Protein backbone atom coordinates (compact mmCIF):
# COMPACT_ATOMS: atom_id res chain seq x y z
CA MET A 1 235.81 -131.91 146.13
CA LYS A 2 234.43 -128.90 148.01
CA TYR A 3 236.07 -126.48 145.57
CA ILE A 4 234.86 -128.52 142.59
CA LEU A 5 231.29 -128.36 143.86
CA ILE A 6 231.58 -124.62 144.52
CA SER A 7 233.00 -124.09 141.03
CA LEU A 8 230.22 -126.14 139.45
CA GLY A 9 227.68 -124.16 141.45
CA ILE A 10 229.13 -120.86 140.23
CA ILE A 11 229.20 -122.09 136.62
CA SER A 12 225.59 -123.29 136.89
CA PHE A 13 224.52 -119.94 138.35
CA VAL A 14 226.28 -117.98 135.60
CA ILE A 15 224.68 -120.13 132.88
CA ALA A 16 221.26 -119.78 134.52
CA VAL A 17 221.58 -116.00 134.55
CA PHE A 18 223.48 -115.34 131.34
CA GLY A 19 222.72 -118.41 129.23
CA PHE A 20 225.18 -119.71 126.67
CA ASN A 21 227.00 -116.95 124.74
CA PRO A 22 224.52 -114.24 125.80
CA TRP A 23 225.83 -111.53 123.47
CA THR A 24 226.59 -113.69 120.45
CA ALA A 25 225.09 -112.68 117.11
CA SER A 26 226.62 -115.58 115.17
CA ASN A 27 224.95 -118.38 113.22
CA LYS A 28 222.51 -115.99 111.57
CA SER A 29 224.00 -115.94 108.07
CA SER A 30 224.15 -119.66 107.40
CA LYS A 31 220.43 -119.99 108.07
CA VAL A 32 219.08 -116.76 106.65
CA LEU A 33 221.22 -116.66 103.50
CA SER A 34 220.90 -120.38 102.77
CA ASP A 35 219.90 -121.30 99.22
CA THR A 36 218.04 -124.33 100.57
CA TYR A 37 215.29 -124.57 103.16
CA THR A 38 216.38 -124.71 106.79
CA SER A 39 214.90 -126.39 109.86
CA LEU A 40 213.04 -123.21 110.87
CA GLU A 41 211.41 -121.22 108.07
CA THR A 42 208.15 -120.14 109.73
CA GLY A 43 207.87 -120.28 113.50
CA THR A 44 209.52 -119.09 116.71
CA GLU A 45 212.24 -120.64 118.83
CA ARG A 46 213.80 -119.68 122.16
CA LYS A 47 217.61 -119.95 122.00
CA ALA A 48 219.98 -121.00 124.79
CA ASN A 49 220.97 -117.37 125.39
CA GLY A 50 217.32 -116.30 125.81
CA ILE A 51 216.94 -114.78 122.34
CA TYR A 52 213.72 -115.52 120.47
CA GLU A 53 214.36 -116.26 116.81
CA VAL A 54 211.26 -115.48 114.75
CA ARG A 55 210.96 -116.61 111.15
CA ALA A 56 208.40 -116.15 108.38
CA LEU A 57 208.64 -117.40 104.79
CA THR A 58 206.51 -115.60 102.21
CA ARG A 59 206.12 -116.79 98.63
CA MET A 60 205.61 -113.82 96.31
CA PRO A 61 204.35 -114.81 92.81
CA ASN A 62 205.18 -112.31 90.05
CA VAL A 63 207.34 -110.27 92.45
CA SER A 64 211.08 -109.70 91.99
CA ALA A 65 213.81 -108.79 94.44
CA GLU A 66 214.13 -105.46 92.62
CA MET A 67 210.46 -104.66 93.26
CA VAL A 68 210.92 -105.10 97.00
CA ARG A 69 214.07 -102.96 96.95
CA TRP A 70 212.11 -100.24 95.11
CA TRP A 71 209.26 -100.47 97.66
CA PHE A 72 211.57 -99.75 100.58
CA ALA A 73 214.12 -97.42 98.97
CA ASP A 74 212.00 -95.41 96.51
CA TYR A 75 208.25 -95.70 96.94
CA LEU A 76 207.27 -95.95 100.60
CA GLN A 77 206.95 -92.34 101.80
CA THR A 78 203.56 -91.63 103.37
CA THR A 79 201.30 -92.97 106.09
CA GLU A 80 198.66 -93.74 103.45
CA GLN A 81 201.11 -95.96 101.57
CA TYR A 82 202.19 -97.56 104.85
CA LYS A 83 198.59 -98.35 105.80
CA ARG A 84 198.05 -100.07 102.46
CA TRP A 85 200.85 -102.46 103.45
CA HIS A 86 198.80 -103.70 106.43
CA PRO A 87 195.43 -101.89 106.76
CA ASN A 88 194.57 -103.45 110.11
CA ALA A 89 197.88 -102.95 111.92
CA HIS A 90 199.76 -100.00 110.40
CA VAL A 91 198.82 -96.63 111.89
CA TRP A 92 201.49 -94.01 111.11
CA MET A 93 204.98 -93.65 109.61
CA ASP A 94 207.76 -91.19 108.88
CA TRP A 95 211.42 -91.37 107.90
CA GLU A 96 214.59 -90.11 109.55
CA ASN A 97 217.78 -89.55 107.51
CA LYS A 98 216.10 -90.88 104.34
CA VAL A 99 217.86 -90.34 101.00
CA PRO A 100 215.84 -91.07 97.81
CA GLY A 101 216.80 -94.41 96.34
CA GLU A 102 218.68 -95.52 99.47
CA VAL A 103 217.61 -97.28 102.63
CA ILE A 104 220.84 -98.03 104.55
CA GLY A 105 221.34 -95.28 107.11
CA ALA A 106 217.65 -94.33 107.22
CA SER A 107 215.35 -95.06 110.12
CA HIS A 108 211.71 -95.98 109.60
CA LEU A 109 209.60 -94.44 112.35
CA VAL A 110 206.32 -96.32 112.78
CA HIS A 111 203.28 -96.85 114.93
CA GLU A 112 201.91 -100.33 114.38
CA TYR A 113 199.99 -103.06 116.17
CA LEU A 114 201.68 -106.34 117.04
CA GLY A 115 198.85 -108.48 118.32
CA THR A 116 196.54 -106.14 120.23
CA THR A 117 199.29 -103.79 121.44
CA LEU A 118 200.26 -100.57 119.68
CA HIS A 119 204.05 -100.28 119.38
CA LYS A 120 205.95 -97.09 118.56
CA LEU A 121 209.15 -98.23 116.86
CA ARG A 122 212.32 -96.95 115.23
CA ILE A 123 213.68 -99.37 112.64
CA GLN A 124 217.22 -98.36 111.71
CA PHE A 125 218.35 -99.92 108.44
CA VAL A 126 222.01 -100.91 108.42
CA ASP A 127 224.51 -102.57 106.11
CA PRO A 128 223.52 -106.27 106.08
CA LYS A 129 227.09 -107.16 107.11
CA GLU A 130 226.35 -105.66 110.55
CA ILE A 131 223.82 -108.44 111.13
CA LEU A 132 224.94 -111.16 108.69
CA ASP A 133 228.69 -111.75 108.81
CA ASP A 134 229.06 -113.55 105.48
CA TYR A 135 226.63 -111.41 103.47
CA GLU A 136 227.68 -110.66 99.89
CA PRO A 137 225.52 -108.73 97.39
CA ARG A 138 224.02 -110.76 94.55
CA ASN A 139 222.00 -109.75 91.50
CA ASP A 140 219.28 -112.33 92.16
CA ARG A 141 218.38 -111.22 95.68
CA PHE A 142 217.75 -108.19 97.87
CA VAL A 143 218.73 -108.15 101.54
CA ILE A 144 217.60 -105.49 104.00
CA CYS A 145 218.61 -105.56 107.67
CA ALA A 146 217.89 -103.36 110.66
CA ARG A 147 218.22 -102.73 114.35
CA ALA A 148 214.74 -102.15 115.72
CA GLY A 149 213.78 -100.56 119.00
CA LEU A 150 211.70 -98.01 120.83
CA LEU A 151 210.81 -94.78 119.07
CA GLU A 152 210.46 -92.67 122.21
CA LYS A 153 213.50 -94.03 124.09
CA PRO A 154 217.06 -94.53 122.73
CA LEU A 155 216.92 -98.31 123.07
CA ASN A 156 217.04 -101.09 120.49
CA ALA A 157 215.80 -104.59 121.25
CA THR A 158 215.74 -106.62 118.02
CA HIS A 159 217.91 -107.46 115.01
CA MET A 160 216.04 -108.24 111.81
CA CYS A 161 216.55 -109.06 108.12
CA HIS A 162 214.39 -109.65 105.07
CA VAL A 163 216.04 -111.73 102.34
CA VAL A 164 214.20 -111.64 99.01
CA GLN A 165 215.35 -114.28 96.55
CA ASN A 166 214.23 -114.47 92.92
CA THR A 167 212.61 -117.79 91.95
CA GLU A 168 211.10 -119.36 88.85
CA TYR A 169 207.62 -118.16 89.93
CA GLY A 170 208.62 -114.71 91.18
CA ALA A 171 210.33 -114.38 94.54
CA GLN A 172 210.28 -115.61 98.10
CA MET A 173 211.01 -113.58 101.21
CA ARG A 174 212.70 -115.06 104.24
CA SER A 175 212.03 -112.75 107.19
CA ALA A 176 214.07 -113.25 110.35
CA PHE A 177 213.98 -111.46 113.69
CA TRP A 178 216.15 -111.98 116.76
CA MET A 179 214.28 -110.54 119.73
CA GLY A 180 216.36 -109.64 122.77
CA TYR A 181 219.50 -107.87 121.55
CA VAL A 182 219.32 -104.85 123.87
CA GLU A 183 221.39 -101.87 122.72
CA LYS A 184 221.46 -98.29 124.00
CA ARG A 185 221.78 -95.95 121.05
CA ASP A 186 223.12 -92.45 120.51
CA GLY A 187 221.70 -91.36 117.19
CA ASN A 188 222.59 -94.24 114.85
CA ASP A 189 225.45 -95.48 117.03
CA THR A 190 225.16 -98.16 119.70
CA VAL A 191 226.88 -97.34 122.99
CA THR A 192 227.88 -99.28 126.08
CA SER A 193 225.31 -99.06 128.84
CA ILE A 194 224.02 -100.77 131.96
CA GLU A 195 220.83 -101.53 130.01
CA SER A 196 222.74 -103.60 127.47
CA VAL A 197 224.77 -105.42 130.13
CA LEU A 198 221.72 -106.43 132.14
CA GLY A 199 219.25 -106.69 129.24
CA ASN A 200 221.36 -109.18 127.33
CA THR A 201 221.33 -111.79 130.06
CA ALA A 202 219.28 -114.90 129.44
CA LEU A 203 217.37 -114.29 132.66
CA ALA A 204 216.30 -110.79 131.59
CA ARG A 205 215.30 -112.04 128.15
CA MET A 206 213.19 -114.79 129.70
CA PHE A 207 211.24 -112.19 131.67
CA LEU A 208 211.06 -109.47 129.00
CA ILE A 209 210.17 -111.52 125.90
CA SER A 210 207.28 -113.94 125.97
CA LYS A 211 206.27 -116.68 123.57
CA GLN A 212 203.22 -114.60 122.69
CA ASP A 213 205.46 -111.63 121.79
CA SER A 214 207.28 -113.82 119.28
CA ILE A 215 204.03 -115.19 117.84
CA ASP A 216 202.59 -111.70 117.45
CA LEU A 217 205.69 -110.58 115.55
CA MET A 218 205.66 -113.66 113.32
CA THR A 219 201.95 -113.23 112.57
CA HIS A 220 202.45 -109.56 111.70
CA ALA A 221 205.29 -110.40 109.31
CA ILE A 222 203.26 -113.12 107.60
CA GLU A 223 200.27 -110.82 107.18
CA GLU A 224 202.06 -107.69 105.97
CA MET A 225 204.35 -109.47 103.51
CA ASN A 226 201.46 -111.41 101.98
CA VAL A 227 199.53 -108.15 101.55
CA LEU A 228 202.60 -106.59 99.90
CA ALA A 229 203.00 -109.57 97.58
CA ASN A 230 199.40 -109.18 96.40
CA PHE A 231 199.60 -105.57 95.24
CA LEU A 232 203.30 -104.95 94.54
CA PRO A 233 203.46 -106.35 90.96
CA ASP A 234 200.62 -104.10 89.75
CA LEU A 235 201.97 -101.09 91.65
CA TYR A 236 205.44 -101.55 90.19
CA GLN A 237 203.94 -101.88 86.71
CA GLN A 238 202.04 -98.61 87.13
CA GLU A 239 204.75 -96.58 88.83
CA VAL A 240 207.93 -97.83 87.16
CA LEU A 241 207.48 -99.94 84.05
CA SER A 242 204.74 -97.79 82.47
CA LYS A 243 206.80 -94.63 82.99
CA GLN A 244 209.85 -96.30 81.45
CA VAL A 245 207.81 -97.13 78.33
CA LEU A 246 206.56 -93.54 78.09
CA HIS A 247 210.05 -92.12 78.46
CA SER A 248 211.41 -94.48 75.80
CA HIS A 249 208.94 -92.94 73.35
C-alpha cells in the first residue's frame, strides 16, 4: 500500500507539473478543418496540458479564398498596407525570405498591439501539414499556418492557422491559435532546448499565459479579419480583376 500511495503521489505530481500530453499537437485538424461548426468557433479555452486554444470565426461576404491567398502571398508588402488591415493596432511590418506569390517559408515581421501591449513578433509561415496532420489542399479553401514567436529573441510560443472556406455568400475564415507551444528556433528550424523542455510544461503555461492574453489575441483576430473583409473585395477588384480586363483587351 505504501508503494501504491507513493506511486500515485508521483503520478499526481507529474500531471500537476506537466499536464496531460504536454507536447501533443494533435486534435487540431478535426476541429479546424471541419466542414461543420464545432463546439468552439469563437472563444478561448484552457486545455489539460496548459495550452490556450483561441478561436475566431469571421464571415466575409463577397470575399473568396483566392482573395485572401492573394492578400498574404502577393499584395501585403508595406507598413502602410499593414496599417490599413488594423489601423488601431498595426504599427510596422517587414518580410523575411519572402518570394512573390508565395507565403510558405516566409516570415512576417510585425509590431502590433494585442490589448494595450505592443508586441514585436515573427510569424513564420509553414506548410499546413506541420500544424494540421490531415490537411489536404482543396480548390474551395485556402489554409495558411504559422509558428509565431518573439521577433527579437529566437523563441516561438504559438501555433496558428487561418482556414478560409468559400460559401454561398462569399467566404468564412476560421482562425485558430494554440498559445503555449514553446520552441527555440535556429533560423526557420526548431531545435531542442531547455526553454522548450521547461516552457512546455502545464505549470509553466499556467504562469506564462493568462486568460486575458487569450482574450486579447481573440479580440485582435476578430477586429483585423473583419476590417480585411470590409475592404478586400474592392481592393481585389481594383488590383487584380480590372488589370485582367485591361490585359485581355
